[in-house]
């Protein structure tokens, strides 16, 4: 038995040392479609509930004029993706997040049937069964109030963003941030942009210091994507233009990094569709920018999700794409047809669920479309040179009972640490920034032999760890 374990350990060490990359794979568990054949229906957001069901935020257009009679609708599905109930109410039809008290927050638009452009912003907190706890309404500018995102903040309140028009007919788009307390009372409202410098905010995030960032597109003002950092009271700290683009599409999404930097995406629409991925540090300085070419018939990206198991980013347009942190495509999902995805989540068991809508399922109509995929990849190991033998890296104690300390020879900007069991499965994967030491708590793992992989500064170290 010990001989077999020795052979297996040697195999894993050789495997990791030579960095034999495995192909990433996701299997489709199911695809589902919902919606009345008589109406356009779209999926906007999805959340996994504590009992492992899925709550879907959707909407449908009841009127004959597109989106002038937009009705929000909630669906609950079981673990197999089948609808168990639906409810037409004030919630749904926009971005939705679960709150820390087990309820939900949602932002959507109320449409004016007599004037299609006079939309009202609505923010609603509701229970899992769809019952409203409270709702708040806002109207800015003169036309086209468009809510895009809402989050729960560190003080248990909420922040919402979106944009609106200041010219009749829909011209001149400015952005807003609304800050509410936990009971839905308005604490402050801030507006961003002007007629000569417009901004359409797509998303909002909060960092570890309580500051906020909004990210969006500047139509008619230099054709750029812009990131605006504001403090906890809505005052602008800095503004950064990501890149000048030809015919930018206006869609975009953003992920906050552990060091309070950001990964964000966007794209252009022309003869060929070009998406991009970019990293900005906490001070707004661009650290890298990479174009990702797509087929001309694909929509540009509007959602992105960090997948820690692979230290990679999952984003979607008509397909799902997984890239490494430098923007190189690692995996491309199946073609589900004429799809536009609006949200991605990772479930408790690490499945991926994406929701959006499918066009032309019925003649000239759209239907809600969602898909669930399961990760079939055991190990992902990007190529890297081996750490030179004379590099000073101390890993102790080994054997270990409680925790391991890793002392590096210098302070590094990004350090990726992975721990594998003897089956080659990742049991720990984390990224650390600006550090020269790392502590890994091993008391959560059973006694066994593990393989530690350390990746930083384009170097790699592999070490056998014995947990007792």
Protein backbone atom coordinates (compact mmCIF):
# COMPACT_ATOMS: atom_id res chain seq x y z
CA UNK A 1 0.00 0.00 0.00
CA UNK A 2 2.82 2.41 0.92
CA UNK A 3 4.59 1.51 -2.33
CA UNK A 4 1.44 2.32 -4.34
CA UNK A 5 1.04 5.62 -2.52
CA UNK A 6 4.69 6.41 -3.23
CA UNK A 7 4.21 5.68 -6.94
CA UNK A 8 1.06 7.84 -7.05
CA UNK A 9 2.82 10.69 -5.25
CA UNK A 10 5.75 10.54 -7.67
CA UNK A 11 3.33 10.53 -10.59
CA UNK A 12 1.52 13.62 -9.33
CA UNK A 13 4.76 15.41 -8.59
CA UNK A 14 6.09 14.68 -12.06
CA UNK A 15 2.76 15.61 -13.58
CA UNK A 16 2.64 18.96 -11.79
CA UNK A 17 6.33 19.68 -12.20
CA UNK A 18 6.11 19.28 -15.96
CA UNK A 19 2.83 21.26 -15.95
CA UNK A 20 0.83 19.01 -18.24
CA UNK A 21 -2.24 21.11 -18.98
CA UNK A 22 -5.59 19.41 -19.12
CA UNK A 23 -8.42 20.54 -21.34
CA UNK A 24 -11.18 22.31 -19.44
CA UNK A 25 -14.63 20.85 -19.85
CA UNK A 26 -18.23 21.55 -18.83
CA UNK A 27 -21.10 19.18 -19.55
CA UNK A 28 -24.61 20.53 -20.17
CA UNK A 29 -26.95 19.19 -17.46
CA UNK A 30 -30.10 20.75 -18.92
CA UNK A 31 -31.47 23.61 -21.01
CA UNK A 32 -34.92 25.06 -20.28
CA UNK A 33 -37.28 27.55 -21.89
CA UNK A 34 -40.17 29.43 -20.33
CA UNK A 35 -42.66 32.03 -21.48
CA UNK A 36 -46.02 32.48 -23.18
CA UNK A 37 -45.91 32.02 -26.95
CA UNK A 38 -47.99 35.19 -27.36
CA UNK A 39 -45.45 37.55 -25.74
CA UNK A 40 -41.77 38.44 -25.75
CA UNK A 41 -40.29 37.01 -22.54
CA UNK A 42 -36.76 37.50 -21.22
CA UNK A 43 -34.68 36.22 -18.30
CA UNK A 44 -32.69 38.81 -16.37
CA UNK A 45 -31.26 37.26 -13.22
CA UNK A 46 -30.97 33.94 -11.36
CA UNK A 47 -30.24 33.06 -7.72
CA UNK A 48 -29.78 29.69 -6.04
CA UNK A 49 -31.89 29.50 -2.90
CA UNK A 50 -30.69 27.82 0.33
CA UNK A 51 -32.73 24.69 -0.55
CA UNK A 52 -30.84 24.46 -3.90
CA UNK A 53 -33.77 25.64 -6.05
CA UNK A 54 -33.46 28.50 -8.53
CA UNK A 55 -35.32 31.81 -8.35
CA UNK A 56 -35.58 33.50 -11.76
CA UNK A 57 -36.16 37.21 -12.36
CA UNK A 58 -37.91 37.52 -15.72
CA UNK A 59 -40.28 39.79 -17.59
CA UNK A 60 -42.64 39.81 -20.56
CA UNK A 61 -44.17 42.41 -22.83
CA UNK A 62 -47.99 42.39 -22.78
CA UNK A 63 -48.55 45.18 -25.27
CA UNK A 64 -48.15 45.37 -29.01
CA UNK A 65 -45.43 48.04 -28.85
CA UNK A 66 -42.13 46.48 -27.86
CA UNK A 67 -41.35 47.01 -24.15
CA UNK A 68 -44.04 49.64 -23.57
CA UNK A 69 -46.04 47.31 -21.32
CA UNK A 70 -43.26 45.36 -19.65
CA UNK A 71 -44.43 43.14 -16.77
CA UNK A 72 -42.07 41.64 -14.16
CA UNK A 73 -42.43 37.96 -13.30
CA UNK A 74 -40.77 35.57 -10.85
CA UNK A 75 -40.31 31.85 -11.41
CA UNK A 76 -39.15 29.25 -8.91
CA UNK A 77 -37.62 26.06 -10.29
CA UNK A 78 -36.56 22.82 -8.62
CA UNK A 79 -33.05 21.35 -8.79
CA UNK A 80 -33.89 19.81 -12.17
CA UNK A 81 -34.73 23.25 -13.58
CA UNK A 82 -38.49 22.68 -13.87
CA UNK A 83 -40.80 25.52 -12.85
CA UNK A 84 -42.68 24.89 -9.59
CA UNK A 85 -44.47 28.25 -9.35
CA UNK A 86 -44.53 31.70 -10.95
CA UNK A 87 -45.80 35.04 -9.77
CA UNK A 88 -46.60 38.29 -11.56
CA UNK A 89 -45.84 41.05 -9.10
CA UNK A 90 -43.63 44.12 -8.58
CA UNK A 91 -40.46 41.99 -8.32
CA UNK A 92 -38.61 40.53 -11.29
CA UNK A 93 -37.89 42.02 -14.68
CA UNK A 94 -34.40 43.19 -13.72
CA UNK A 95 -31.28 42.55 -11.64
CA UNK A 96 -31.86 40.63 -8.41
CA UNK A 97 -29.60 39.75 -5.45
CA UNK A 98 -30.11 37.73 -2.27
CA UNK A 99 -29.79 39.79 0.92
CA UNK A 100 -28.02 38.71 4.09
CA UNK A 101 -31.32 38.22 5.92
CA UNK A 102 -32.47 35.62 3.37
CA UNK A 103 -34.70 37.96 1.37
CA UNK A 104 -34.09 39.54 -2.05
CA UNK A 105 -33.50 42.97 -3.60
CA UNK A 106 -34.51 43.81 -7.16
CA UNK A 107 -34.45 46.85 -9.44
CA UNK A 108 -36.66 47.21 -12.51
CA UNK A 109 -38.60 49.78 -14.52
CA UNK A 110 -42.30 50.66 -14.48
CA UNK A 111 -43.48 51.58 -17.97
CA UNK A 112 -45.95 54.32 -18.80
CA UNK A 113 -48.51 52.91 -21.23
CA UNK A 114 -49.48 56.33 -22.57
CA UNK A 115 -45.86 57.39 -23.11
CA UNK A 116 -43.37 54.59 -23.67
CA UNK A 117 -40.37 56.71 -22.71
CA UNK A 118 -41.61 57.78 -19.27
CA UNK A 119 -40.21 54.87 -17.27
CA UNK A 120 -40.00 54.92 -13.48
CA UNK A 121 -37.15 53.29 -11.55
CA UNK A 122 -38.32 50.84 -8.89
CA UNK A 123 -36.28 49.17 -6.13
CA UNK A 124 -38.04 46.38 -4.25
CA UNK A 125 -37.14 44.17 -1.32
CA UNK A 126 -39.21 41.01 -1.26
CA UNK A 127 -39.52 37.58 0.34
CA UNK A 128 -38.76 34.28 -1.34
CA UNK A 129 -42.44 33.74 -2.12
CA UNK A 130 -42.61 37.12 -3.93
CA UNK A 131 -44.35 39.09 -1.15
CA UNK A 132 -43.18 42.71 -1.05
CA UNK A 133 -41.40 43.97 2.07
CA UNK A 134 -40.97 47.51 0.71
CA UNK A 135 -40.66 49.27 -2.63
CA UNK A 136 -39.22 52.68 -3.61
CA UNK A 137 -39.72 54.64 -6.85
CA UNK A 138 -37.57 57.29 -8.57
CA UNK A 139 -37.71 59.34 -11.77
CA UNK A 140 -34.84 61.42 -13.18
CA UNK A 141 -34.37 63.60 -16.25
CA UNK A 142 -37.15 63.70 -18.82
CA UNK A 143 -37.20 60.27 -20.44
CA UNK A 144 -36.04 56.64 -20.42
CA UNK A 145 -35.14 55.80 -16.82
CA UNK A 146 -33.18 52.55 -17.14
CA UNK A 147 -32.13 50.65 -13.98
CA UNK A 148 -29.19 48.29 -14.50
CA UNK A 149 -27.84 46.98 -11.17
CA UNK A 150 -28.41 46.84 -7.42
CA UNK A 151 -26.23 45.53 -4.57
CA UNK A 152 -26.43 45.14 -0.81
CA UNK A 153 -23.82 47.31 0.87
CA UNK A 154 -21.55 46.62 3.85
CA UNK A 155 -23.91 48.52 6.21
CA UNK A 156 -26.83 46.24 5.17
CA UNK A 157 -28.27 49.02 3.05
CA UNK A 158 -28.46 49.05 -0.75
CA UNK A 159 -26.97 50.87 -3.74
CA UNK A 160 -28.54 50.96 -7.20
CA UNK A 161 -27.36 52.38 -10.50
CA UNK A 162 -28.62 52.97 -14.02
CA UNK A 163 -29.06 55.84 -16.48
CA UNK A 164 -31.67 58.25 -17.86
CA UNK A 165 -32.18 60.72 -20.70
CA UNK A 166 -32.15 64.50 -20.25
CA UNK A 167 -33.42 65.33 -23.76
CA UNK A 168 -36.88 64.60 -25.16
CA UNK A 169 -36.69 61.66 -27.51
CA UNK A 170 -33.98 59.89 -25.52
CA UNK A 171 -30.82 61.94 -26.06
CA UNK A 172 -28.19 62.90 -23.50
CA UNK A 173 -27.79 59.99 -21.08
CA UNK A 174 -26.55 60.51 -17.53
CA UNK A 175 -26.07 57.97 -14.74
CA UNK A 176 -27.26 57.81 -11.15
CA UNK A 177 -26.38 56.06 -7.90
CA UNK A 178 -29.10 55.73 -5.25
CA UNK A 179 -28.02 54.82 -1.69
CA UNK A 180 -30.72 53.39 0.61
CA UNK A 181 -30.50 52.22 4.20
CA UNK A 182 -31.63 48.75 5.30
CA UNK A 183 -35.26 49.90 5.52
CA UNK A 184 -35.27 51.45 2.05
CA UNK A 185 -34.95 55.08 3.16
CA UNK A 186 -32.95 57.30 0.81
CA UNK A 187 -29.59 58.34 2.23
CA UNK A 188 -28.22 60.09 -0.85
CA UNK A 189 -28.53 60.28 -4.65
CA UNK A 190 -25.71 61.27 -6.99
CA UNK A 191 -25.70 61.94 -10.74
CA UNK A 192 -22.79 61.56 -13.16
CA UNK A 193 -22.10 63.01 -16.59
CA UNK A 194 -23.41 65.93 -18.61
CA UNK A 195 -24.72 66.52 -22.11
CA UNK A 196 -21.23 66.87 -23.57
CA UNK A 197 -19.87 63.99 -21.50
CA UNK A 198 -22.52 61.30 -21.20
CA UNK A 199 -22.28 58.05 -19.24
CA UNK A 200 -24.56 54.97 -19.18
CA UNK A 201 -23.77 52.99 -16.02
CA UNK A 202 -24.11 49.20 -16.36
CA UNK A 203 -22.97 47.93 -12.97
CA UNK A 204 -21.97 48.95 -9.43
CA UNK A 205 -19.55 47.36 -6.93
CA UNK A 206 -18.39 48.19 -3.39
CA UNK A 207 -14.79 47.68 -2.27
CA UNK A 208 -13.32 46.72 1.11
CA UNK A 209 -13.04 50.37 2.19
CA UNK A 210 -16.72 51.13 1.57
CA UNK A 211 -16.13 53.03 -1.67
CA UNK A 212 -18.11 52.32 -4.84
CA UNK A 213 -17.31 51.95 -8.52
CA UNK A 214 -19.68 52.29 -11.45
CA UNK A 215 -18.76 51.14 -14.92
CA UNK A 216 -20.42 52.05 -18.19
CA UNK A 217 -20.29 53.45 -21.68
CA UNK A 218 -19.99 57.07 -22.86
CA UNK A 219 -22.16 57.48 -26.01
CA UNK A 220 -21.16 60.35 -28.25
CA UNK A 221 -18.36 61.42 -25.93
CA UNK A 222 -15.22 59.86 -27.33
CA UNK A 223 -16.58 56.33 -27.61
CA UNK A 224 -15.06 54.95 -24.40
CA UNK A 225 -15.91 52.69 -21.52
CA UNK A 226 -15.51 54.51 -18.22
CA UNK A 227 -14.89 53.47 -14.62
CA UNK A 228 -15.86 56.00 -11.95
CA UNK A 229 -14.73 55.51 -8.33
CA UNK A 230 -16.80 57.28 -5.65
CA UNK A 231 -16.57 57.36 -1.86
CA UNK A 232 -19.21 56.15 0.60
CA UNK A 233 -21.14 59.41 0.18
CA UNK A 234 -21.16 59.43 -3.62
CA UNK A 235 -18.34 61.94 -4.15
CA UNK A 236 -16.11 61.19 -7.14
CA UNK A 237 -12.59 60.03 -6.23
CA UNK A 238 -11.37 59.42 -9.76
CA UNK A 239 -12.56 58.55 -13.26
CA UNK A 240 -10.72 56.32 -15.73
CA UNK A 241 -11.40 55.83 -19.44
CA UNK A 242 -10.67 52.23 -20.30
CA UNK A 243 -10.12 52.42 -24.03
CA UNK A 244 -11.15 54.37 -27.11
CA UNK A 245 -13.21 52.04 -29.30
CA UNK A 246 -14.72 52.17 -32.76
CA UNK A 247 -18.49 51.68 -32.58
CA UNK A 248 -18.64 50.55 -28.92
CA UNK A 249 -21.66 48.43 -28.07
CA UNK A 250 -22.52 49.84 -24.65
CA UNK A 251 -22.72 46.49 -22.86
CA UNK A 252 -20.22 45.80 -20.09
CA UNK A 253 -19.63 44.11 -16.75
CA UNK A 254 -17.15 44.27 -13.88
CA UNK A 255 -15.69 42.06 -11.13
CA UNK A 256 -14.01 43.37 -7.96
CA UNK A 257 -10.65 41.77 -7.17
CA UNK A 258 -9.28 40.95 -3.69
CA UNK A 259 -6.86 43.93 -3.86
CA UNK A 260 -9.78 46.28 -4.72
CA UNK A 261 -8.78 46.40 -8.36
CA UNK A 262 -11.21 45.47 -11.13
CA UNK A 263 -11.54 43.16 -14.09
CA UNK A 264 -13.99 44.50 -16.62
CA UNK A 265 -15.23 43.63 -20.07
CA UNK A 266 -17.04 45.26 -22.97
CA UNK A 267 -17.05 45.22 -26.73
CA UNK A 268 -17.68 46.74 -30.13
CA UNK A 269 -20.08 45.90 -32.93
CA UNK A 270 -18.76 46.18 -36.48
CA UNK A 271 -17.97 43.79 -39.34
CA UNK A 272 -16.48 41.54 -36.68
CA UNK A 273 -17.43 41.58 -33.02
CA UNK A 274 -14.52 42.31 -30.69
CA UNK A 275 -14.83 41.92 -26.95
CA UNK A 276 -12.14 42.97 -24.53
CA UNK A 277 -10.99 42.11 -21.02
CA UNK A 278 -9.01 44.61 -18.96
CA UNK A 279 -7.61 44.97 -15.46
CA UNK A 280 -7.52 48.26 -13.56
CA UNK A 281 -5.85 48.66 -10.16
CA UNK A 282 -7.48 50.33 -7.16
CA UNK A 283 -6.20 53.74 -8.31
CA UNK A 284 -7.70 53.51 -11.80
CA UNK A 285 -4.50 52.66 -13.67
CA UNK A 286 -4.90 50.17 -16.54
CA UNK A 287 -2.66 47.13 -15.96
CA UNK A 288 -3.55 45.21 -19.08
CA UNK A 289 -5.99 45.30 -21.99
CA UNK A 290 -6.69 42.43 -24.38
CA UNK A 291 -9.05 42.17 -27.35
CA UNK A 292 -10.96 38.91 -27.80
CA UNK A 293 -12.24 38.41 -31.33
CA UNK A 294 -15.68 36.83 -31.76
CA UNK A 295 -17.77 35.74 -34.77
CA UNK A 296 -19.60 38.65 -36.36
CA UNK A 297 -23.03 37.29 -35.43
CA UNK A 298 -22.32 37.15 -31.69
CA UNK A 299 -23.49 39.73 -29.20
CA UNK A 300 -20.94 41.52 -27.09
CA UNK A 301 -20.39 40.59 -23.48
CA UNK A 302 -22.58 41.99 -20.70
CA UNK A 303 -21.81 39.64 -17.77
CA UNK A 304 -18.66 38.24 -16.17
CA UNK A 305 -18.11 35.83 -13.27
CA UNK A 306 -14.89 34.86 -11.49
CA UNK A 307 -14.45 31.08 -11.18
CA UNK A 308 -11.98 30.52 -8.32
CA UNK A 309 -11.44 26.80 -9.00
CA UNK A 310 -9.76 27.69 -12.28
CA UNK A 311 -8.54 31.21 -11.41
CA UNK A 312 -10.42 32.23 -14.54
CA UNK A 313 -13.25 34.44 -15.76
CA UNK A 314 -16.49 33.18 -17.26
CA UNK A 315 -18.36 35.56 -19.53
CA UNK A 316 -21.18 35.17 -21.98
CA UNK A 317 -22.79 36.51 -25.11
CA UNK A 318 -24.37 33.91 -27.40
CA UNK A 319 -21.99 31.34 -25.93
CA UNK A 320 -20.15 30.92 -22.65
CA UNK A 321 -16.41 31.60 -22.64
CA UNK A 322 -13.80 30.94 -19.94
CA UNK A 323 -10.56 32.93 -20.05
CA UNK A 324 -7.48 32.99 -17.87
CA UNK A 325 -6.55 36.17 -16.01
CA UNK A 326 -4.70 37.45 -19.09
CA UNK A 327 -7.75 37.09 -21.34
CA UNK A 328 -6.70 33.92 -23.18
CA UNK A 329 -9.68 31.68 -23.98
CA UNK A 330 -9.51 28.37 -22.09
CA UNK A 331 -12.92 26.96 -22.97
CA UNK A 332 -15.81 27.77 -25.31
CA UNK A 333 -19.29 26.51 -24.51
CA UNK A 334 -21.78 24.88 -26.87
CA UNK A 335 -23.88 26.82 -29.36
CA UNK A 336 -27.40 27.02 -27.90
CA UNK A 337 -28.81 29.01 -30.81
CA UNK A 338 -29.73 32.68 -31.01
CA UNK A 339 -29.21 33.40 -27.31
CA UNK A 340 -28.44 36.56 -25.35
CA UNK A 341 -27.34 35.77 -21.79
CA UNK A 342 -27.94 38.32 -19.03
CA UNK A 343 -26.70 36.64 -15.83
CA UNK A 344 -24.35 33.87 -14.65
CA UNK A 345 -24.08 32.27 -11.21
CA UNK A 346 -22.04 29.50 -9.68
CA UNK A 347 -24.10 27.17 -7.48
CA UNK A 348 -23.09 25.64 -4.16
CA UNK A 349 -21.89 22.47 -5.91
CA UNK A 350 -19.87 24.57 -8.43
CA UNK A 351 -22.32 24.15 -11.34
CA UNK A 352 -22.77 27.10 -13.72
CA UNK A 353 -26.25 28.48 -14.41
CA UNK A 354 -26.74 31.14 -17.09
CA UNK A 355 -30.03 32.89 -17.96
CA UNK A 356 -31.16 35.16 -20.78
CA UNK A 357 -33.49 34.87 -23.72
CA UNK A 358 -33.72 32.99 -26.98
CA UNK A 359 -34.88 34.77 -30.11
CA UNK A 360 -37.23 33.39 -32.75
CA UNK A 361 -38.23 30.34 -30.76
CA UNK A 362 -41.73 31.28 -31.82
CA UNK A 363 -42.38 33.52 -34.84
CA UNK A 364 -40.87 36.96 -34.03
CA UNK A 365 -41.00 36.24 -30.28
CA UNK A 366 -38.44 35.76 -27.52
CA UNK A 367 -38.53 33.20 -24.72
CA UNK A 368 -36.74 32.85 -21.39
CA UNK A 369 -33.75 30.54 -21.75
CA UNK A 370 -31.53 29.10 -19.02
CA UNK A 371 -28.89 26.41 -18.94
CA UNK A 372 -27.03 24.47 -16.24
CA UNK A 373 -23.53 23.08 -16.79
CA UNK A 374 -21.24 20.92 -14.63
CA UNK A 375 -17.47 21.20 -14.44
CA UNK A 376 -15.83 17.99 -15.63
CA UNK A 377 -12.25 19.22 -15.25
CA UNK A 378 -10.19 17.69 -12.43
CA UNK A 379 -7.11 19.91 -12.67
CA UNK A 380 -6.15 23.02 -14.63
CA UNK A 381 -2.46 23.79 -14.82
CA UNK A 382 -1.37 26.68 -17.06
CA UNK A 383 2.18 26.44 -18.46
CA UNK A 384 4.92 28.00 -16.34
CA UNK A 385 8.65 27.58 -15.82
CA UNK A 386 9.87 25.76 -12.73
CA UNK A 387 11.10 27.86 -9.82
CA UNK A 388 14.91 27.96 -9.78
CA UNK A 389 16.47 25.78 -7.09
CA UNK A 390 18.40 28.66 -5.56
CA UNK A 391 15.21 30.69 -4.94
CA UNK A 392 14.55 30.92 -1.19
CA UNK A 393 11.04 29.71 -0.37
CA UNK A 394 10.37 28.26 3.08
CA UNK A 395 7.31 26.04 3.63
CA UNK A 396 6.82 24.86 7.22
CA UNK A 397 5.93 22.88 9.24
CA UNK A 398 5.82 19.71 7.15
CA UNK A 399 4.33 17.35 8.28
CA UNK A 400 1.61 19.73 9.43
CA UNK A 401 -1.39 19.56 11.75
CA UNK A 402 -2.94 23.04 11.86
CA UNK A 403 -1.52 25.46 9.32
CA UNK A 404 1.35 25.95 6.86
CA UNK A 405 3.39 29.14 6.59
CA UNK A 406 4.89 29.94 3.16
CA UNK A 407 7.68 32.54 3.28
CA UNK A 408 8.64 33.99 -0.11
CA UNK A 409 11.97 35.58 -0.96
CA UNK A 410 10.30 38.89 -1.82
CA UNK A 411 6.94 40.68 -1.98
CA UNK A 412 4.99 39.68 -5.10
CA UNK A 413 1.97 41.33 -6.71
CA UNK A 414 0.02 38.13 -7.42
CA UNK A 415 0.57 34.66 -5.90
CA UNK A 416 -1.63 31.68 -6.79
CA UNK A 417 -1.65 28.77 -4.32
CA UNK A 418 -3.28 25.43 -5.12
CA UNK A 419 -3.54 22.27 -3.05
CA UNK A 420 -4.32 18.88 -4.62
CA UNK A 421 -5.37 15.60 -3.04
CA UNK A 422 -3.93 12.30 -4.22
CA UNK A 423 -6.71 11.96 -6.79
CA UNK A 424 -5.46 15.08 -8.53
CA UNK A 425 -8.48 17.14 -7.41
CA UNK A 426 -8.09 20.75 -6.31
CA UNK A 427 -9.10 21.12 -2.65
CA UNK A 428 -7.75 24.66 -2.20
CA UNK A 429 -7.22 27.44 -4.74
CA UNK A 430 -6.67 31.06 -3.82
CA UNK A 431 -4.97 34.18 -5.15
CA UNK A 432 -3.03 36.50 -2.83
CA UNK A 433 -1.81 39.98 -3.70
CA UNK A 434 1.14 42.09 -2.56
CA UNK A 435 2.51 39.63 -0.02
CA UNK A 436 5.72 37.86 0.95
CA UNK A 437 4.10 35.22 3.15
CA UNK A 438 0.95 33.08 3.09
CA UNK A 439 -0.80 31.02 5.77
CA UNK A 440 -2.90 28.02 4.76
CA UNK A 441 -5.09 26.41 7.40
CA UNK A 442 -4.93 22.63 7.04
CA UNK A 443 -7.11 21.66 10.02
CA UNK A 444 -10.16 21.59 7.72
CA UNK A 445 -8.69 18.71 5.68
CA UNK A 446 -8.41 15.03 6.64
CA UNK A 447 -5.04 13.44 7.38
CA UNK A 448 -3.47 12.53 4.03
CA UNK A 449 -0.74 13.41 1.57
CA UNK A 450 -1.28 16.53 -0.53
CA UNK A 451 0.53 18.31 -3.35
CA UNK A 452 1.09 22.05 -2.94
CA UNK A 453 1.53 24.13 -6.08
CA UNK A 454 2.80 27.70 -5.82
CA UNK A 455 2.67 29.96 -8.90
CA UNK A 456 3.97 33.52 -9.00
CA UNK A 457 6.12 35.88 -11.08
CA UNK A 458 6.01 33.37 -13.95
CA UNK A 459 7.59 30.77 -11.68
CA UNK A 460 6.32 27.56 -10.14
CA UNK A 461 7.11 25.42 -7.10
CA UNK A 462 5.62 21.98 -6.35
CA UNK A 463 5.90 20.43 -2.88
CA UNK A 464 4.54 17.31 -1.17
CA UNK A 465 2.69 18.10 2.09
CA UNK A 466 1.84 15.54 4.75
CA UNK A 467 -1.18 16.33 6.93
CA UNK A 468 -1.49 14.33 10.17
